[in-house]
Amino acid sequence: MEAKSSFKWMLALGVGVVGGWAARSLSDSPEGAGVKLMELGIKAKDRVDGWLAVERERLDDMVAEARSNIARESATKSAHEGHAGGRRAHLVRHENAHGEPVV
């Protein structure tokens, strides 16, 4: 039993040394680790900002295209109504009992 607990203790010590060595090699000081984390955060923010700018531009393009389509449809509809209405339109003149035009 003593060999088993001794092995666990040695394994824990080894894991601790390797973990400490890995942490130390990643940063020269605790401040270095904080700076590294901030650097990663800033890079991630920059990537998200770039993505948002591209998506915002795509959305603006889609809105402009939709407005253009609405304006084109409106102009086409007005043109059709103008031609159709011009052919069918006729003046109706109303007069009162004395033959005078009524507006």
N, C-alpha and C. Protein backbone atom coordinates (compact mmCIF):
# COMPACT_ATOMS: atom_id res chain seq x y z
N MET A 1 0.82 -1.18 0.00
CA MET A 1 0.00 0.00 0.00
C MET A 1 0.87 1.25 0.00
N GLU A 2 1.97 1.15 0.68
CA GLU A 2 2.87 2.28 0.75
C GLU A 2 3.43 2.62 -0.63
N ALA A 3 3.67 1.63 -1.45
CA ALA A 3 4.20 1.85 -2.80
C ALA A 3 3.16 2.56 -3.66
N LYS A 4 1.89 2.23 -3.43
CA LYS A 4 0.82 2.83 -4.21
C LYS A 4 0.68 4.32 -3.88
N SER A 5 0.69 4.70 -2.64
CA SER A 5 0.56 6.10 -2.24
C SER A 5 1.82 6.87 -2.63
N SER A 6 2.96 6.21 -2.58
CA SER A 6 4.21 6.82 -2.99
C SER A 6 4.18 7.11 -4.49
N PHE A 7 3.62 6.19 -5.26
CA PHE A 7 3.51 6.38 -6.70
C PHE A 7 2.57 7.54 -7.01
N LYS A 8 1.44 7.63 -6.32
CA LYS A 8 0.50 8.72 -6.52
C LYS A 8 1.15 10.07 -6.19
N TRP A 9 1.94 10.06 -5.10
CA TRP A 9 2.62 11.29 -4.70
C TRP A 9 3.62 11.72 -5.76
N MET A 10 4.36 10.78 -6.31
CA MET A 10 5.35 11.07 -7.35
C MET A 10 4.65 11.54 -8.63
N LEU A 11 3.54 10.91 -8.95
CA LEU A 11 2.78 11.30 -10.13
C LEU A 11 2.24 12.72 -9.97
N ALA A 12 1.70 13.03 -8.79
CA ALA A 12 1.18 14.37 -8.53
C ALA A 12 2.31 15.40 -8.60
N LEU A 13 3.44 15.07 -8.05
CA LEU A 13 4.60 15.96 -8.10
C LEU A 13 5.04 16.19 -9.55
N GLY A 14 5.06 15.12 -10.33
CA GLY A 14 5.44 15.24 -11.76
C GLY A 14 4.46 16.11 -12.54
N VAL A 15 3.19 15.89 -12.29
CA VAL A 15 2.16 16.70 -12.96
C VAL A 15 2.31 18.16 -12.54
N GLY A 16 2.57 18.41 -11.30
CA GLY A 16 2.74 19.78 -10.82
C GLY A 16 3.95 20.46 -11.45
N VAL A 17 5.06 19.71 -11.53
CA VAL A 17 6.27 20.29 -12.12
C VAL A 17 6.04 20.59 -13.60
N VAL A 18 5.45 19.65 -14.32
CA VAL A 18 5.20 19.85 -15.75
C VAL A 18 4.22 21.00 -15.96
N GLY A 19 3.16 21.05 -15.16
CA GLY A 19 2.19 22.15 -15.27
C GLY A 19 2.83 23.50 -14.98
N GLY A 20 3.65 23.54 -13.93
CA GLY A 20 4.34 24.79 -13.59
C GLY A 20 5.32 25.21 -14.68
N TRP A 21 6.04 24.23 -15.22
CA TRP A 21 6.99 24.53 -16.29
C TRP A 21 6.25 25.05 -17.53
N ALA A 22 5.10 24.43 -17.85
CA ALA A 22 4.32 24.86 -19.02
C ALA A 22 3.79 26.28 -18.81
N ALA A 23 3.28 26.56 -17.61
CA ALA A 23 2.76 27.90 -17.32
C ALA A 23 3.89 28.93 -17.38
N ARG A 24 5.03 28.57 -16.85
CA ARG A 24 6.18 29.49 -16.85
C ARG A 24 6.66 29.75 -18.28
N SER A 25 6.65 28.73 -19.11
CA SER A 25 7.14 28.90 -20.47
C SER A 25 6.16 29.73 -21.31
N LEU A 26 4.90 29.71 -20.95
CA LEU A 26 3.91 30.50 -21.69
C LEU A 26 4.04 31.98 -21.39
N SER A 27 4.45 32.31 -20.20
CA SER A 27 4.59 33.72 -19.84
C SER A 27 5.78 33.89 -18.92
N ASP A 28 6.42 35.02 -19.05
CA ASP A 28 7.59 35.29 -18.21
C ASP A 28 7.18 35.71 -16.81
N SER A 29 5.99 36.28 -16.68
CA SER A 29 5.52 36.73 -15.37
C SER A 29 4.01 36.66 -15.36
N PRO A 30 3.39 36.82 -14.19
CA PRO A 30 1.92 36.86 -14.15
C PRO A 30 1.35 37.98 -15.02
N GLU A 31 2.05 39.10 -15.09
CA GLU A 31 1.60 40.20 -15.94
C GLU A 31 1.64 39.78 -17.41
N GLY A 32 2.65 38.99 -17.76
CA GLY A 32 2.77 38.51 -19.14
C GLY A 32 1.57 37.66 -19.54
N ALA A 33 1.09 36.85 -18.60
CA ALA A 33 -0.09 36.03 -18.89
C ALA A 33 -1.31 36.92 -19.10
N GLY A 34 -1.43 37.95 -18.28
CA GLY A 34 -2.55 38.88 -18.43
C GLY A 34 -2.48 39.63 -19.75
N VAL A 35 -1.28 40.03 -20.12
CA VAL A 35 -1.09 40.73 -21.39
C VAL A 35 -1.44 39.81 -22.55
N LYS A 36 -1.05 38.55 -22.45
CA LYS A 36 -1.33 37.57 -23.51
C LYS A 36 -2.84 37.39 -23.66
N LEU A 37 -3.54 37.29 -22.52
CA LEU A 37 -5.00 37.16 -22.57
C LEU A 37 -5.65 38.40 -23.18
N MET A 38 -5.15 39.58 -22.81
CA MET A 38 -5.69 40.81 -23.39
C MET A 38 -5.42 40.87 -24.89
N GLU A 39 -4.25 40.42 -25.29
CA GLU A 39 -3.90 40.39 -26.72
C GLU A 39 -4.87 39.49 -27.48
N LEU A 40 -5.15 38.31 -26.93
CA LEU A 40 -6.11 37.40 -27.56
C LEU A 40 -7.50 38.03 -27.65
N GLY A 41 -7.91 38.71 -26.57
CA GLY A 41 -9.21 39.36 -26.57
C GLY A 41 -9.31 40.48 -27.60
N ILE A 42 -8.25 41.27 -27.71
CA ILE A 42 -8.25 42.38 -28.69
C ILE A 42 -8.29 41.83 -30.11
N LYS A 43 -7.53 40.76 -30.37
CA LYS A 43 -7.55 40.16 -31.70
C LYS A 43 -8.94 39.62 -32.03
N ALA A 44 -9.58 38.98 -31.05
CA ALA A 44 -10.92 38.46 -31.26
C ALA A 44 -11.91 39.59 -31.53
N LYS A 45 -11.79 40.68 -30.77
CA LYS A 45 -12.67 41.84 -30.97
C LYS A 45 -12.49 42.43 -32.36
N ASP A 46 -11.23 42.53 -32.80
CA ASP A 46 -10.95 43.07 -34.14
C ASP A 46 -11.58 42.19 -35.23
N ARG A 47 -11.50 40.87 -35.05
CA ARG A 47 -12.12 39.96 -36.02
C ARG A 47 -13.63 40.13 -36.05
N VAL A 48 -14.24 40.24 -34.87
CA VAL A 48 -15.69 40.42 -34.79
C VAL A 48 -16.09 41.77 -35.40
N ASP A 49 -15.32 42.83 -35.12
CA ASP A 49 -15.61 44.14 -35.70
C ASP A 49 -15.53 44.10 -37.23
N GLY A 50 -14.54 43.41 -37.77
CA GLY A 50 -14.42 43.27 -39.22
C GLY A 50 -15.61 42.54 -39.81
N TRP A 51 -15.99 41.45 -39.16
CA TRP A 51 -17.14 40.67 -39.63
C TRP A 51 -18.41 41.52 -39.59
N LEU A 52 -18.60 42.28 -38.50
CA LEU A 52 -19.78 43.12 -38.37
C LEU A 52 -19.80 44.21 -39.45
N ALA A 53 -18.65 44.77 -39.78
CA ALA A 53 -18.59 45.80 -40.82
C ALA A 53 -19.01 45.22 -42.17
N VAL A 54 -18.55 44.02 -42.48
CA VAL A 54 -18.92 43.37 -43.74
C VAL A 54 -20.43 43.09 -43.77
N GLU A 55 -20.95 42.57 -42.67
CA GLU A 55 -22.38 42.26 -42.61
C GLU A 55 -23.23 43.53 -42.67
N ARG A 56 -22.77 44.61 -42.03
CA ARG A 56 -23.49 45.88 -42.07
C ARG A 56 -23.55 46.40 -43.50
N GLU A 57 -22.44 46.28 -44.23
CA GLU A 57 -22.40 46.72 -45.62
C GLU A 57 -23.34 45.88 -46.49
N ARG A 58 -23.36 44.58 -46.25
CA ARG A 58 -24.28 43.71 -47.00
C ARG A 58 -25.72 44.09 -46.72
N LEU A 59 -26.04 44.39 -45.47
CA LEU A 59 -27.40 44.79 -45.11
C LEU A 59 -27.77 46.10 -45.77
N ASP A 60 -26.84 47.08 -45.78
CA ASP A 60 -27.10 48.35 -46.45
C ASP A 60 -27.35 48.15 -47.94
N ASP A 61 -26.57 47.27 -48.57
CA ASP A 61 -26.78 46.96 -49.99
C ASP A 61 -28.15 46.34 -50.24
N MET A 62 -28.56 45.44 -49.35
CA MET A 62 -29.87 44.79 -49.51
C MET A 62 -31.00 45.81 -49.35
N VAL A 63 -30.88 46.71 -48.39
CA VAL A 63 -31.90 47.74 -48.18
C VAL A 63 -31.97 48.67 -49.39
N ALA A 64 -30.81 49.07 -49.92
CA ALA A 64 -30.78 49.94 -51.09
C ALA A 64 -31.42 49.25 -52.30
N GLU A 65 -31.15 47.96 -52.47
CA GLU A 65 -31.74 47.22 -53.59
C GLU A 65 -33.25 47.10 -53.42
N ALA A 66 -33.71 46.86 -52.21
CA ALA A 66 -35.15 46.75 -51.97
C ALA A 66 -35.84 48.09 -52.26
N ARG A 67 -35.24 49.20 -51.83
CA ARG A 67 -35.82 50.51 -52.10
C ARG A 67 -35.85 50.80 -53.59
N SER A 68 -34.79 50.40 -54.29
CA SER A 68 -34.73 50.59 -55.73
C SER A 68 -35.84 49.80 -56.43
N ASN A 69 -36.04 48.56 -55.99
CA ASN A 69 -37.11 47.73 -56.56
C ASN A 69 -38.47 48.35 -56.32
N ILE A 70 -38.70 48.88 -55.14
CA ILE A 70 -39.98 49.52 -54.82
C ILE A 70 -40.19 50.74 -55.70
N ALA A 71 -39.15 51.56 -55.87
CA ALA A 71 -39.27 52.76 -56.71
C ALA A 71 -39.53 52.37 -58.16
N ARG A 72 -38.85 51.34 -58.65
CA ARG A 72 -39.05 50.89 -60.03
C ARG A 72 -40.46 50.36 -60.23
N GLU A 73 -40.95 49.56 -59.28
CA GLU A 73 -42.32 49.04 -59.38
C GLU A 73 -43.34 50.16 -59.33
N SER A 74 -43.09 51.14 -58.49
CA SER A 74 -43.99 52.28 -58.37
C SER A 74 -44.02 53.08 -59.67
N ALA A 75 -42.86 53.29 -60.28
CA ALA A 75 -42.79 54.04 -61.53
C ALA A 75 -43.47 53.26 -62.65
N THR A 76 -43.25 51.95 -62.70
CA THR A 76 -43.89 51.11 -63.72
C THR A 76 -45.40 51.12 -63.55
N LYS A 77 -45.86 51.04 -62.32
CA LYS A 77 -47.29 51.02 -62.04
C LYS A 77 -47.91 52.37 -62.43
N SER A 78 -47.25 53.47 -62.13
CA SER A 78 -47.75 54.80 -62.49
C SER A 78 -47.82 54.95 -64.00
N ALA A 79 -46.82 54.45 -64.69
CA ALA A 79 -46.80 54.56 -66.15
C ALA A 79 -47.94 53.76 -66.76
N HIS A 80 -48.19 52.57 -66.24
CA HIS A 80 -49.29 51.74 -66.76
C HIS A 80 -50.64 52.39 -66.47
N GLU A 81 -50.80 52.93 -65.30
CA GLU A 81 -52.06 53.57 -64.95
C GLU A 81 -52.27 54.82 -65.79
N GLY A 82 -51.22 55.55 -66.08
CA GLY A 82 -51.32 56.75 -66.89
C GLY A 82 -51.77 56.44 -68.31
N HIS A 83 -51.23 55.40 -68.94
CA HIS A 83 -51.61 55.01 -70.29
C HIS A 83 -53.03 54.45 -70.32
N ALA A 84 -53.32 53.59 -69.40
CA ALA A 84 -54.65 52.96 -69.37
C ALA A 84 -55.71 54.00 -69.03
N GLY A 85 -55.41 54.85 -68.10
CA GLY A 85 -56.37 55.86 -67.70
C GLY A 85 -56.60 56.88 -68.80
N GLY A 86 -55.59 57.20 -69.59
CA GLY A 86 -55.72 58.17 -70.67
C GLY A 86 -56.62 57.66 -71.77
N ARG A 87 -56.62 56.39 -72.02
CA ARG A 87 -57.48 55.83 -73.07
C ARG A 87 -58.92 55.76 -72.62
N ARG A 88 -59.16 55.55 -71.37
CA ARG A 88 -60.52 55.36 -70.88
C ARG A 88 -61.15 56.65 -70.38
N ALA A 89 -60.34 57.62 -70.11
CA ALA A 89 -60.86 58.84 -69.49
C ALA A 89 -61.70 59.62 -70.50
N HIS A 90 -62.79 60.16 -70.02
CA HIS A 90 -63.60 61.06 -70.83
C HIS A 90 -64.19 62.10 -69.90
N LEU A 91 -64.43 63.25 -70.45
CA LEU A 91 -64.95 64.35 -69.65
C LEU A 91 -66.45 64.24 -69.56
N VAL A 92 -66.95 64.48 -68.39
CA VAL A 92 -68.39 64.53 -68.17
C VAL A 92 -68.69 65.95 -67.76
N ARG A 93 -69.54 66.58 -68.52
CA ARG A 93 -69.86 67.97 -68.24
C ARG A 93 -71.26 68.04 -67.65
N HIS A 94 -71.35 68.68 -66.51
CA HIS A 94 -72.65 68.84 -65.85
C HIS A 94 -73.08 70.30 -66.00
N GLU A 95 -74.32 70.45 -66.24
CA GLU A 95 -74.88 71.80 -66.33
C GLU A 95 -76.06 71.91 -65.41
N ASN A 96 -76.28 73.12 -64.93
CA ASN A 96 -77.45 73.32 -64.07
C ASN A 96 -78.67 73.57 -64.97
N ALA A 97 -79.76 73.91 -64.40
CA ALA A 97 -81.03 74.08 -65.13
C ALA A 97 -80.93 75.23 -66.14
N HIS A 98 -80.08 76.18 -65.95
CA HIS A 98 -79.96 77.31 -66.85
C HIS A 98 -78.89 77.08 -67.92
N GLY A 99 -78.27 75.89 -67.97
CA GLY A 99 -77.29 75.58 -68.99
C GLY A 99 -75.90 76.03 -68.63
N GLU A 100 -75.67 76.42 -67.38
CA GLU A 100 -74.36 76.87 -66.96
C GLU A 100 -73.55 75.67 -66.46
N PRO A 101 -72.25 75.65 -66.75
CA PRO A 101 -71.44 74.51 -66.27
C PRO A 101 -71.33 74.47 -64.76
N VAL A 102 -71.36 73.30 -64.23
CA VAL A 102 -71.23 73.10 -62.78
C VAL A 102 -69.85 72.50 -62.54
N VAL A 103 -69.11 73.09 -61.65
CA VAL A 103 -67.76 72.61 -61.37
C VAL A 103 -67.78 71.66 -60.20
